[in-house]
Amino acid sequence: AREVGADVIIMTKSSKDDMLNNIGSTAEYVINNAPCDVTIISE
């Protein structure tokens, strides 16, 4: 995100099938450390 100068990161809360209701560790890290807005889409 820093390298390309992203305006926003858009991702699902988790790509893993066993994370049905929770935000995964990757999404949580991105939310806390991204240099831009982060959108977690509803599934």
Full PDB file with SEQRES, HELIX, SHEET, SSBOND, CRYST1, ORIGX, SCALE, CONECT and MASTER records, all heavy atoms in Angstrom:
SEQRES   1 A   43  ALA ARG GLU VAL GLY ALA ASP VAL ILE ILE MET THR LYS          
SEQRES   2 A   43  SER SER LYS ASP ASP MET LEU ASN ASN ILE GLY SER THR          
SEQRES   3 A   43  ALA GLU TYR VAL ILE ASN ASN ALA PRO CYS ASP VAL THR          
SEQRES   4 A   43  ILE ILE SER GLU                                              
HELIX    1 AA1 SER A   25  ASN A   33  1                                   9    
SHEET    1 AA1 2 VAL A   8  MET A  11  0                                        
SHEET    2 AA1 2 ASP A  37  ILE A  40  1                                        
CRYST1    1.000    1.000    1.000  90.00  90.00  90.00 P 1           1          
ORIGX1      1.000000  0.000000  0.000000        0.00000                         
ORIGX2      0.000000  1.000000  0.000000        0.00000                         
ORIGX3      0.000000  0.000000  1.000000        0.00000                         
SCALE1      1.000000  0.000000  0.000000        0.00000                         
SCALE2      0.000000  1.000000  0.000000        0.00000                         
SCALE3      0.000000  0.000000  1.000000        0.00000                         
ATOM      1  N   ALA A   1       0.835  -1.205   0.000  1.00  0.00           N  
ATOM      2  CA  ALA A   1       0.000   0.000   0.000  1.00  0.00           C  
ATOM      3  C   ALA A   1       0.867   1.252   0.000  1.00  0.00           C  
ATOM      4  O   ALA A   1       0.566   2.241  -0.685  1.00  0.00           O  
ATOM      5  CB  ALA A   1      -0.941  -0.011   1.199  1.00  0.00           C  
ATOM      6  N   ARG A   2       1.958   1.232   0.773  1.00  0.00           N  
ATOM      7  CA  ARG A   2       2.868   2.376   0.796  1.00  0.00           C  
ATOM      8  C   ARG A   2       3.611   2.519  -0.534  1.00  0.00           C  
ATOM      9  O   ARG A   2       3.786   3.623  -1.063  1.00  0.00           O  
ATOM     10  CB  ARG A   2       3.869   2.216   1.933  1.00  0.00           C  
ATOM     11  CG  ARG A   2       3.246   2.287   3.331  1.00  0.00           C  
ATOM     12  CD  ARG A   2       4.310   2.266   4.412  1.00  0.00           C  
ATOM     13  NE  ARG A   2       3.698   2.297   5.741  1.00  0.00           N  
ATOM     14  CZ  ARG A   2       3.402   1.202   6.438  1.00  0.00           C  
ATOM     15  NH1 ARG A   2       3.673   0.017   5.934  1.00  0.00           N  
ATOM     16  NH2 ARG A   2       2.832   1.310   7.626  1.00  0.00           N  
ATOM     17  N   GLU A   3       4.047   1.399  -1.078  1.00  0.00           N  
ATOM     18  CA  GLU A   3       4.848   1.431  -2.309  1.00  0.00           C  
ATOM     19  C   GLU A   3       4.063   1.965  -3.498  1.00  0.00           C  
ATOM     20  O   GLU A   3       4.599   2.713  -4.319  1.00  0.00           O  
ATOM     21  CB  GLU A   3       5.368   0.017  -2.626  1.00  0.00           C  
ATOM     22  CG  GLU A   3       6.418  -0.486  -1.647  1.00  0.00           C  
ATOM     23  CD  GLU A   3       6.784  -1.941  -1.867  1.00  0.00           C  
ATOM     24  OE1 GLU A   3       6.086  -2.630  -2.644  1.00  0.00           O  
ATOM     25  OE2 GLU A   3       7.763  -2.395  -1.255  1.00  0.00           O  
ATOM     26  N   VAL A   4       2.786   1.587  -3.598  1.00  0.00           N  
ATOM     27  CA  VAL A   4       1.999   2.003  -4.763  1.00  0.00           C  
ATOM     28  C   VAL A   4       1.212   3.271  -4.514  1.00  0.00           C  
ATOM     29  O   VAL A   4       0.577   3.812  -5.426  1.00  0.00           O  
ATOM     30  CB  VAL A   4       1.036   0.881  -5.209  1.00  0.00           C  
ATOM     31  CG1 VAL A   4       1.793  -0.405  -5.485  1.00  0.00           C  
ATOM     32  CG2 VAL A   4      -0.070   0.635  -4.172  1.00  0.00           C  
ATOM     33  N   GLY A   5       1.204   3.769  -3.260  1.00  0.00           N  
ATOM     34  CA  GLY A   5       0.427   4.956  -2.944  1.00  0.00           C  
ATOM     35  C   GLY A   5      -1.064   4.709  -3.003  1.00  0.00           C  
ATOM     36  O   GLY A   5      -1.831   5.515  -3.549  1.00  0.00           O  
ATOM     37  N   ALA A   6      -1.504   3.594  -2.421  1.00  0.00           N  
ATOM     38  CA  ALA A   6      -2.924   3.226  -2.459  1.00  0.00           C  
ATOM     39  C   ALA A   6      -3.783   4.234  -1.702  1.00  0.00           C  
ATOM     40  O   ALA A   6      -3.393   4.731  -0.643  1.00  0.00           O  
ATOM     41  CB  ALA A   6      -3.126   1.833  -1.877  1.00  0.00           C  
ATOM     42  N   ASP A   7      -4.940   4.536  -2.243  1.00  0.00           N  
ATOM     43  CA  ASP A   7      -5.913   5.391  -1.576  1.00  0.00           C  
ATOM     44  C   ASP A   7      -6.776   4.599  -0.605  1.00  0.00           C  
ATOM     45  O   ASP A   7      -7.270   5.134   0.390  1.00  0.00           O  
ATOM     46  CB  ASP A   7      -6.817   6.079  -2.603  1.00  0.00           C  
ATOM     47  CG  ASP A   7      -6.036   6.997  -3.519  1.00  0.00           C  
ATOM     48  OD1 ASP A   7      -5.391   7.927  -3.012  1.00  0.00           O  
ATOM     49  OD2 ASP A   7      -6.068   6.773  -4.748  1.00  0.00           O  
ATOM     50  N   VAL A   8      -6.986   3.324  -0.920  1.00  0.00           N  
ATOM     51  CA  VAL A   8      -7.819   2.476  -0.072  1.00  0.00           C  
ATOM     52  C   VAL A   8      -7.443   1.023  -0.315  1.00  0.00           C  
ATOM     53  O   VAL A   8      -7.067   0.635  -1.424  1.00  0.00           O  
ATOM     54  CB  VAL A   8      -9.327   2.704  -0.353  1.00  0.00           C  
ATOM     55  CG1 VAL A   8      -9.683   2.350  -1.783  1.00  0.00           C  
ATOM     56  CG2 VAL A   8     -10.204   1.914   0.623  1.00  0.00           C  
ATOM     57  N   ILE A   9      -7.530   0.214   0.737  1.00  0.00           N  
ATOM     58  CA  ILE A   9      -7.390  -1.238   0.639  1.00  0.00           C  
ATOM     59  C   ILE A   9      -8.773  -1.832   0.833  1.00  0.00           C  
ATOM     60  O   ILE A   9      -9.457  -1.506   1.805  1.00  0.00           O  
ATOM     61  CB  ILE A   9      -6.436  -1.793   1.709  1.00  0.00           C  
ATOM     62  CG1 ILE A   9      -5.043  -1.175   1.566  1.00  0.00           C  
ATOM     63  CG2 ILE A   9      -6.353  -3.318   1.625  1.00  0.00           C  
ATOM     64  CD1 ILE A   9      -4.120  -1.489   2.732  1.00  0.00           C  
ATOM     65  N   ILE A  10      -9.194  -2.689  -0.082  1.00  0.00           N  
ATOM     66  CA  ILE A  10     -10.510  -3.320   0.025  1.00  0.00           C  
ATOM     67  C   ILE A  10     -10.308  -4.826   0.106  1.00  0.00           C  
ATOM     68  O   ILE A  10      -9.691  -5.428  -0.776  1.00  0.00           O  
ATOM     69  CB  ILE A  10     -11.409  -2.944  -1.166  1.00  0.00           C  
ATOM     70  CG1 ILE A  10     -11.665  -1.428  -1.180  1.00  0.00           C  
ATOM     71  CG2 ILE A  10     -12.741  -3.703  -1.091  1.00  0.00           C  
ATOM     72  CD1 ILE A  10     -12.526  -0.955  -2.322  1.00  0.00           C  
ATOM     73  N   MET A  11     -10.844  -5.434   1.166  1.00  0.00           N  
ATOM     74  CA  MET A  11     -10.621  -6.863   1.386  1.00  0.00           C  
ATOM     75  C   MET A  11     -11.770  -7.456   2.187  1.00  0.00           C  
ATOM     76  O   MET A  11     -12.562  -6.730   2.794  1.00  0.00           O  
ATOM     77  CB  MET A  11      -9.295  -7.091   2.125  1.00  0.00           C  
ATOM     78  CG  MET A  11      -9.218  -6.413   3.484  1.00  0.00           C  
ATOM     79  SD  MET A  11      -7.542  -6.367   4.196  1.00  0.00           S  
ATOM     80  CE  MET A  11      -7.158  -8.108   4.313  1.00  0.00           C  
ATOM     81  N   THR A  12     -11.858  -8.766   2.189  1.00  0.00           N  
ATOM     82  CA  THR A  12     -12.821  -9.458   3.040  1.00  0.00           C  
ATOM     83  C   THR A  12     -12.236  -9.597   4.440  1.00  0.00           C  
ATOM     84  O   THR A  12     -11.027  -9.482   4.640  1.00  0.00           O  
ATOM     85  CB  THR A  12     -13.160 -10.842   2.477  1.00  0.00           C  
ATOM     86  OG1 THR A  12     -11.933 -11.545   2.205  1.00  0.00           O  
ATOM     87  CG2 THR A  12     -13.956 -10.728   1.195  1.00  0.00           C  
ATOM     88  N   LYS A  13     -13.112  -9.861   5.405  1.00  0.00           N  
ATOM     89  CA  LYS A  13     -12.631  -9.941   6.787  1.00  0.00           C  
ATOM     90  C   LYS A  13     -11.707 -11.125   7.007  1.00  0.00           C  
ATOM     91  O   LYS A  13     -10.837 -11.106   7.870  1.00  0.00           O  
ATOM     92  CB  LYS A  13     -13.809 -10.004   7.761  1.00  0.00           C  
ATOM     93  CG  LYS A  13     -14.734 -11.204   7.571  1.00  0.00           C  
ATOM     94  CD  LYS A  13     -15.945 -11.091   8.479  1.00  0.00           C  
ATOM     95  CE  LYS A  13     -16.908 -12.247   8.254  1.00  0.00           C  
ATOM     96  NZ  LYS A  13     -18.115 -12.117   9.088  1.00  0.00           N  
ATOM     97  N   SER A  14     -11.881 -12.161   6.197  1.00  0.00           N  
ATOM     98  CA  SER A  14     -10.970 -13.303   6.224  1.00  0.00           C  
ATOM     99  C   SER A  14     -11.238 -14.129   4.977  1.00  0.00           C  
ATOM    100  O   SER A  14     -12.380 -14.268   4.547  1.00  0.00           O  
ATOM    101  CB  SER A  14     -11.187 -14.169   7.467  1.00  0.00           C  
ATOM    102  OG  SER A  14     -10.400 -15.342   7.393  1.00  0.00           O  
ATOM    103  N   SER A  15     -10.178 -14.659   4.389  1.00  0.00           N  
ATOM    104  CA  SER A  15     -10.371 -15.552   3.247  1.00  0.00           C  
ATOM    105  C   SER A  15     -10.495 -16.997   3.694  1.00  0.00           C  
ATOM    106  O   SER A  15     -10.804 -17.875   2.903  1.00  0.00           O  
ATOM    107  CB  SER A  15      -9.186 -15.423   2.277  1.00  0.00           C  
ATOM    108  OG  SER A  15      -7.995 -15.874   2.901  1.00  0.00           O  
ATOM    109  N   LYS A  16     -10.259 -17.261   4.972  1.00  0.00           N  
ATOM    110  CA  LYS A  16     -10.243 -18.635   5.478  1.00  0.00           C  
ATOM    111  C   LYS A  16     -11.657 -19.098   5.805  1.00  0.00           C  
ATOM    112  O   LYS A  16     -12.441 -18.384   6.410  1.00  0.00           O  
ATOM    113  CB  LYS A  16      -9.348 -18.747   6.714  1.00  0.00           C  
ATOM    114  CG  LYS A  16      -7.888 -18.393   6.417  1.00  0.00           C  
ATOM    115  CD  LYS A  16      -7.026 -18.634   7.625  1.00  0.00           C  
ATOM    116  CE  LYS A  16      -5.580 -18.203   7.352  1.00  0.00           C  
ATOM    117  NZ  LYS A  16      -4.994 -18.932   6.232  1.00  0.00           N  
ATOM    118  N   ASP A  17     -11.942 -20.350   5.417  1.00  0.00           N  
ATOM    119  CA  ASP A  17     -13.288 -20.881   5.570  1.00  0.00           C  
ATOM    120  C   ASP A  17     -13.654 -21.157   7.023  1.00  0.00           C  
ATOM    121  O   ASP A  17     -14.825 -21.285   7.353  1.00  0.00           O  
ATOM    122  CB  ASP A  17     -13.424 -22.177   4.768  1.00  0.00           C  
ATOM    123  CG  ASP A  17     -13.213 -21.939   3.287  1.00  0.00           C  
ATOM    124  OD1 ASP A  17     -13.642 -20.886   2.781  1.00  0.00           O  
ATOM    125  OD2 ASP A  17     -12.598 -22.802   2.631  1.00  0.00           O  
ATOM    126  N   ASP A  18     -12.653 -21.274   7.914  1.00  0.00           N  
ATOM    127  CA  ASP A  18     -12.981 -21.536   9.308  1.00  0.00           C  
ATOM    128  C   ASP A  18     -13.094 -20.261  10.130  1.00  0.00           C  
ATOM    129  O   ASP A  18     -13.200 -20.290  11.348  1.00  0.00           O  
ATOM    130  CB  ASP A  18     -11.949 -22.478   9.942  1.00  0.00           C  
ATOM    131  CG  ASP A  18     -10.533 -21.923   9.857  1.00  0.00           C  
ATOM    132  OD1 ASP A  18     -10.333 -20.902   9.175  1.00  0.00           O  
ATOM    133  OD2 ASP A  18      -9.633 -22.534  10.473  1.00  0.00           O  
ATOM    134  N   MET A  19     -13.064 -19.104   9.455  1.00  0.00           N  
ATOM    135  CA  MET A  19     -13.257 -17.823  10.139  1.00  0.00           C  
ATOM    136  C   MET A  19     -14.596 -17.248   9.697  1.00  0.00           C  
ATOM    137  O   MET A  19     -14.672 -16.262   8.961  1.00  0.00           O  
ATOM    138  CB  MET A  19     -12.120 -16.864   9.800  1.00  0.00           C  
ATOM    139  CG  MET A  19     -10.754 -17.311  10.287  1.00  0.00           C  
ATOM    140  SD  MET A  19     -10.587 -17.208  12.072  1.00  0.00           S  
ATOM    141  CE  MET A  19     -10.541 -15.437  12.289  1.00  0.00           C  
ATOM    142  N   LEU A  20     -15.677 -17.890  10.134  1.00  0.00           N  
ATOM    143  CA  LEU A  20     -16.983 -17.559   9.599  1.00  0.00           C  
ATOM    144  C   LEU A  20     -17.535 -16.241  10.133  1.00  0.00           C  
ATOM    145  O   LEU A  20     -18.236 -15.518   9.441  1.00  0.00           O  
ATOM    146  CB  LEU A  20     -17.966 -18.694   9.923  1.00  0.00           C  
ATOM    147  CG  LEU A  20     -17.651 -20.023   9.228  1.00  0.00           C  
ATOM    148  CD1 LEU A  20     -18.587 -21.099   9.744  1.00  0.00           C  
ATOM    149  CD2 LEU A  20     -17.759 -19.894   7.730  1.00  0.00           C  
ATOM    150  N   ASN A  21     -17.234 -15.932  11.379  1.00  0.00           N  
ATOM    151  CA  ASN A  21     -17.830 -14.742  11.993  1.00  0.00           C  
ATOM    152  C   ASN A  21     -16.819 -13.702  12.452  1.00  0.00           C  
ATOM    153  O   ASN A  21     -17.208 -12.642  12.933  1.00  0.00           O  
ATOM    154  CB  ASN A  21     -18.681 -15.153  13.211  1.00  0.00           C  
ATOM    155  CG  ASN A  21     -20.011 -15.724  12.786  1.00  0.00           C  
ATOM    156  OD1 ASN A  21     -20.669 -15.190  11.915  1.00  0.00           O  
ATOM    157  ND2 ASN A  21     -20.390 -16.828  13.381  1.00  0.00           N  
ATOM    158  N   ASN A  22     -15.538 -14.002  12.351  1.00  0.00           N  
ATOM    159  CA  ASN A  22     -14.529 -13.139  12.945  1.00  0.00           C  
ATOM    160  C   ASN A  22     -13.651 -12.478  11.892  1.00  0.00           C  
ATOM    161  O   ASN A  22     -13.473 -12.994  10.789  1.00  0.00           O  
ATOM    162  CB  ASN A  22     -13.642 -13.964  13.887  1.00  0.00           C  
ATOM    163  CG  ASN A  22     -14.438 -14.647  14.967  1.00  0.00           C  
ATOM    164  OD1 ASN A  22     -15.271 -14.030  15.601  1.00  0.00           O  
ATOM    165  ND2 ASN A  22     -14.171 -15.931  15.173  1.00  0.00           N  
ATOM    166  N   ILE A  23     -13.084 -11.342  12.251  1.00  0.00           N  
ATOM    167  CA  ILE A  23     -12.061 -10.722  11.424  1.00  0.00           C  
ATOM    168  C   ILE A  23     -10.765 -11.484  11.642  1.00  0.00           C  
ATOM    169  O   ILE A  23     -10.321 -11.682  12.776  1.00  0.00           O  
ATOM    170  CB  ILE A  23     -11.889  -9.233  11.781  1.00  0.00           C  
ATOM    171  CG1 ILE A  23     -13.133  -8.446  11.348  1.00  0.00           C  
ATOM    172  CG2 ILE A  23     -10.648  -8.646  11.130  1.00  0.00           C  
ATOM    173  CD1 ILE A  23     -13.056  -6.972  11.617  1.00  0.00           C  
ATOM    174  N   GLY A  24     -10.137 -11.912  10.574  1.00  0.00           N  
ATOM    175  CA  GLY A  24      -8.912 -12.686  10.665  1.00  0.00           C  
ATOM    176  C   GLY A  24      -7.723 -11.833  11.073  1.00  0.00           C  
ATOM    177  O   GLY A  24      -7.773 -10.599  11.080  1.00  0.00           O  
ATOM    178  N   SER A  25      -6.618 -12.508  11.392  1.00  0.00           N  
ATOM    179  CA  SER A  25      -5.424 -11.805  11.864  1.00  0.00           C  
ATOM    180  C   SER A  25      -4.841 -10.892  10.790  1.00  0.00           C  
ATOM    181  O   SER A  25      -4.314  -9.815  11.106  1.00  0.00           O  
ATOM    182  CB  SER A  25      -4.373 -12.819  12.320  1.00  0.00           C  
ATOM    183  OG  SER A  25      -4.031 -13.709  11.267  1.00  0.00           O  
ATOM    184  N   THR A  26      -4.946 -11.299   9.516  1.00  0.00           N  
ATOM    185  CA  THR A  26      -4.409 -10.456   8.445  1.00  0.00           C  
ATOM    186  C   THR A  26      -5.202  -9.161   8.326  1.00  0.00           C  
ATOM    187  O   THR A  26      -4.630  -8.067   8.269  1.00  0.00           O  
ATOM    188  CB  THR A  26      -4.422 -11.205   7.102  1.00  0.00           C  
ATOM    189  OG1 THR A  26      -3.559 -12.347   7.181  1.00  0.00           O  
ATOM    190  CG2 THR A  26      -3.946 -10.295   5.975  1.00  0.00           C  
ATOM    191  N   ALA A  27      -6.527  -9.274   8.293  1.00  0.00           N  
ATOM    192  CA  ALA A  27      -7.361  -8.073   8.192  1.00  0.00           C  
ATOM    193  C   ALA A  27      -7.151  -7.167   9.398  1.00  0.00           C  
ATOM    194  O   ALA A  27      -7.086  -5.937   9.266  1.00  0.00           O  
ATOM    195  CB  ALA A  27      -8.829  -8.463   8.057  1.00  0.00           C  
ATOM    196  N   GLU A  28      -7.027  -7.763  10.582  1.00  0.00           N  
ATOM    197  CA  GLU A  28      -6.812  -6.959  11.789  1.00  0.00           C  
ATOM    198  C   GLU A  28      -5.489  -6.199  11.704  1.00  0.00           C  
ATOM    199  O   GLU A  28      -5.412  -5.008  12.050  1.00  0.00           O  
ATOM    200  CB  GLU A  28      -6.829  -7.857  13.021  1.00  0.00           C  
ATOM    201  CG  GLU A  28      -6.696  -7.101  14.326  1.00  0.00           C  
ATOM    202  CD  GLU A  28      -6.796  -8.017  15.540  1.00  0.00           C  
ATOM    203  OE1 GLU A  28      -6.870  -9.249  15.350  1.00  0.00           O  
ATOM    204  OE2 GLU A  28      -6.776  -7.502  16.670  1.00  0.00           O  
ATOM    205  N   TYR A  29      -4.447  -6.876  11.229  1.00  0.00           N  
ATOM    206  CA  TYR A  29      -3.142  -6.214  11.099  1.00  0.00           C  
ATOM    207  C   TYR A  29      -3.227  -5.068  10.102  1.00  0.00           C  
ATOM    208  O   TYR A  29      -2.703  -3.971  10.349  1.00  0.00           O  
ATOM    209  CB  TYR A  29      -2.084  -7.224  10.651  1.00  0.00           C  
ATOM    210  CG  TYR A  29      -0.701  -6.621  10.541  1.00  0.00           C  
ATOM    211  CD1 TYR A  29       0.194  -6.678  11.607  1.00  0.00           C  
ATOM    212  CD2 TYR A  29      -0.290  -5.971   9.374  1.00  0.00           C  
ATOM    213  CE1 TYR A  29       1.458  -6.112  11.514  1.00  0.00           C  
ATOM    214  CE2 TYR A  29       0.965  -5.390   9.276  1.00  0.00           C  
ATOM    215  CZ  TYR A  29       1.840  -5.472  10.343  1.00  0.00           C  
ATOM    216  OH  TYR A  29       3.084  -4.894  10.251  1.00  0.00           O  
ATOM    217  N   VAL A  30      -3.882  -5.311   8.963  1.00  0.00           N  
ATOM    218  CA  VAL A  30      -3.988  -4.282   7.929  1.00  0.00           C  
ATOM    219  C   VAL A  30      -4.750  -3.071   8.452  1.00  0.00           C  
ATOM    220  O   VAL A  30      -4.347  -1.923   8.242  1.00  0.00           O  
ATOM    221  CB  VAL A  30      -4.658  -4.853   6.663  1.00  0.00           C  
ATOM    222  CG1 VAL A  30      -4.960  -3.744   5.654  1.00  0.00           C  
ATOM    223  CG2 VAL A  30      -3.763  -5.910   6.020  1.00  0.00           C  
ATOM    224  N   ILE A  31      -5.848  -3.307   9.154  1.00  0.00           N  
ATOM    225  CA  ILE A  31      -6.638  -2.204   9.704  1.00  0.00           C  
ATOM    226  C   ILE A  31      -5.792  -1.334  10.640  1.00  0.00           C  
ATOM    227  O   ILE A  31      -5.862  -0.106  10.614  1.00  0.00           O  
ATOM    228  CB  ILE A  31      -7.878  -2.748  10.450  1.00  0.00           C  
ATOM    229  CG1 ILE A  31      -8.871  -3.353   9.452  1.00  0.00           C  
ATOM    230  CG2 ILE A  31      -8.557  -1.651  11.265  1.00  0.00           C  
ATOM    231  CD1 ILE A  31      -9.999  -4.133  10.102  1.00  0.00           C  
ATOM    232  N   ASN A  32      -4.956  -1.985  11.447  1.00  0.00           N  
ATOM    233  CA  ASN A  32      -4.172  -1.259  12.451  1.00  0.00           C  
ATOM    234  C   ASN A  32      -2.905  -0.614  11.899  1.00  0.00           C  
ATOM    235  O   ASN A  32      -2.348   0.287  12.548  1.00  0.00           O  
ATOM    236  CB  ASN A  32      -3.802  -2.202  13.603  1.00  0.00           C  
ATOM    237  CG  ASN A  32      -5.001  -2.623  14.425  1.00  0.00           C  
ATOM    238  OD1 ASN A  32      -5.952  -1.869  14.578  1.00  0.00           O  
ATOM    239  ND2 ASN A  32      -4.965  -3.832  14.954  1.00  0.00           N  
ATOM    240  N   ASN A  33      -2.438  -1.052  10.724  1.00  0.00           N  
ATOM    241  CA  ASN A  33      -1.141  -0.588  10.241  1.00  0.00           C  
ATOM    242  C   ASN A  33      -1.148   0.015   8.842  1.00  0.00           C  
ATOM    243  O   ASN A  33      -0.104   0.485   8.380  1.00  0.00           O  
ATOM    244  CB  ASN A  33      -0.141  -1.753  10.268  1.00  0.00           C  
ATOM    245  CG  ASN A  33       0.145  -2.257  11.669  1.00  0.00           C  
ATOM    246  OD1 ASN A  33       0.970  -1.713  12.383  1.00  0.00           O  
ATOM    247  ND2 ASN A  33      -0.550  -3.317  12.062  1.00  0.00           N  
ATOM    248  N   ALA A  34      -2.281   0.018   8.177  1.00  0.00           N  
ATOM    249  CA  ALA A  34      -2.319   0.522   6.804  1.00  0.00           C  
ATOM    250  C   ALA A  34      -2.088   2.034   6.759  1.00  0.00           C  
ATOM    251  O   ALA A  34      -2.553   2.760   7.648  1.00  0.00           O  
ATOM    252  CB  ALA A  34      -3.652   0.188   6.160  1.00  0.00           C  
ATOM    253  N   PRO A  35      -1.418   2.527   5.707  1.00  0.00           N  
ATOM    254  CA  PRO A  35      -1.199   3.965   5.555  1.00  0.00           C  
ATOM    255  C   PRO A  35      -2.365   4.675   4.880  1.00  0.00           C  
ATOM    256  O   PRO A  35      -2.272   5.860   4.563  1.00  0.00           O  
ATOM    257  CB  PRO A  35       0.042   4.012   4.661  1.00  0.00           C  
ATOM    258  CG  PRO A  35      -0.100   2.799   3.796  1.00  0.00           C  
ATOM    259  CD  PRO A  35      -0.718   1.740   4.670  1.00  0.00           C  
ATOM    260  N   CYS A  36      -3.459   3.953   4.658  1.00  0.00           N  
ATOM    261  CA  CYS A  36      -4.616   4.523   3.956  1.00  0.00           C  
ATOM    262  C   CYS A  36      -5.887   3.932   4.549  1.00  0.00           C  
ATOM    263  O   CYS A  36      -5.846   3.113   5.475  1.00  0.00           O  
ATOM    264  CB  CYS A  36      -4.528   4.216   2.454  1.00  0.00           C  
ATOM    265  SG  CYS A  36      -4.463   2.446   2.086  1.00  0.00           S  
ATOM    266  N   ASP A  37      -7.041   4.328   4.007  1.00  0.00           N  
ATOM    267  CA  ASP A  37      -8.312   3.761   4.451  1.00  0.00           C  
ATOM    268  C   ASP A  37      -8.381   2.269   4.123  1.00  0.00           C  
ATOM    269  O   ASP A  37      -7.795   1.803   3.134  1.00  0.00           O  
ATOM    270  CB  ASP A  37      -9.481   4.478   3.772  1.00  0.00           C  
ATOM    271  CG  ASP A  37      -9.631   5.912   4.227  1.00  0.00           C  
ATOM    272  OD1 ASP A  37      -9.142   6.228   5.325  1.00  0.00           O  
ATOM    273  OD2 ASP A  37     -10.235   6.708   3.481  1.00  0.00           O  
ATOM    274  N   VAL A  38      -9.105   1.542   4.946  1.00  0.00           N  
ATOM    275  CA  VAL A  38      -9.319   0.107   4.725  1.00  0.00           C  
ATOM    276  C   VAL A  38     -10.816  -0.163   4.741  1.00  0.00           C  
ATOM    277  O   VAL A  38     -11.516   0.237   5.676  1.00  0.00           O  
ATOM    278  CB  VAL A  38      -8.631  -0.747   5.799  1.00  0.00           C  
ATOM    279  CG1 VAL A  38      -8.886  -2.236   5.545  1.00  0.00           C  
ATOM    280  CG2 VAL A  38      -7.134  -0.463   5.842  1.00  0.00           C  
ATOM    281  N   THR A  39     -11.317  -0.821   3.716  1.00  0.00           N  
ATOM    282  CA  THR A  39     -12.722  -1.204   3.647  1.00  0.00           C  
ATOM    283  C   THR A  39     -12.839  -2.715   3.742  1.00  0.00           C  
ATOM    284  O   THR A  39     -12.246  -3.441   2.934  1.00  0.00           O  
ATOM    285  CB  THR A  39     -13.365  -0.720   2.335  1.00  0.00           C  
ATOM    286  OG1 THR A  39     -13.313   0.706   2.267  1.00  0.00           O  
ATOM    287  CG2 THR A  39     -14.826  -1.174   2.242  1.00  0.00           C  
ATOM    288  N   ILE A  40     -13.581  -3.192   4.737  1.00  0.00           N  
ATOM    289  CA  ILE A  40     -13.865  -4.617   4.886  1.00  0.00           C  
ATOM    290  C   ILE A  40     -15.274  -4.837   4.357  1.00  0.00           C  
ATOM    291  O   ILE A  40     -16.234  -4.295   4.894  1.00  0.00           O  
ATOM    292  CB  ILE A  40     -13.776  -5.059   6.355  1.00  0.00           C  
ATOM    293  CG1 ILE A  40     -12.406  -4.711   6.941  1.00  0.00           C  
ATOM    294  CG2 ILE A  40     -14.048  -6.554   6.464  1.00  0.00           C  
ATOM    295  CD1 ILE A  40     -11.256  -5.403   6.283  1.00  0.00           C  
ATOM    296  N   ILE A  41     -15.407  -5.608   3.305  1.00  0.00           N  
ATOM    297  CA  ILE A  41     -16.713  -5.733   2.667  1.00  0.00           C  
ATOM    298  C   ILE A  41     -17.584  -6.734   3.412  1.00  0.00           C  
ATOM    299  O   ILE A  41     -17.095  -7.677   4.033  1.00  0.00           O  
ATOM    300  CB  ILE A  41     -16.607  -6.127   1.186  1.00  0.00           C  
ATOM    301  CG1 ILE A  41     -16.067  -7.551   1.027  1.00  0.00           C  
ATOM    302  CG2 ILE A  41     -15.737  -5.143   0.427  1.00  0.00           C  
ATOM    303  CD1 ILE A  41     -16.282  -8.108  -0.351  1.00  0.00           C  
ATOM    304  N   SER A  42     -18.880  -6.512   3.341  1.00  0.00           N  
ATOM    305  CA  SER A  42     -19.849  -7.410   3.943  1.00  0.00           C  
ATOM    306  C   SER A  42     -20.056  -8.611   3.052  1.00  0.00           C  
ATOM    307  O   SER A  42     -20.157  -8.497   1.835  1.00  0.00           O  
ATOM    308  CB  SER A  42     -21.188  -6.684   4.150  1.00  0.00           C  
ATOM    309  OG  SER A  42     -22.182  -7.587   4.564  1.00  0.00           O  
ATOM    310  N   GLU A  43     -20.119  -9.790   3.677  1.00  0.00           N  
ATOM    311  CA  GLU A  43     -20.358 -11.020   2.921  1.00  0.00           C  
ATOM    312  C   GLU A  43     -21.724 -11.609   3.237  1.00  0.00           C  
ATOM    313  O   GLU A  43     -22.035 -12.718   2.829  1.00  0.00           O  
ATOM    314  CB  GLU A  43     -19.282 -12.046   3.254  1.00  0.00           C  
ATOM    315  CG  GLU A  43     -17.874 -11.558   2.978  1.00  0.00           C  
ATOM    316  CD  GLU A  43     -16.852 -12.509   3.557  1.00  0.00           C  
ATOM    317  OE1 GLU A  43     -16.792 -13.649   3.071  1.00  0.00           O  
ATOM    318  OE2 GLU A  43     -16.130 -12.125   4.473  1.00  0.00           O  
TER     319      GLU A  43                                                      
MASTER        0    0    0    1    2    0    0    6  318    1    0    4          
END                                                                             
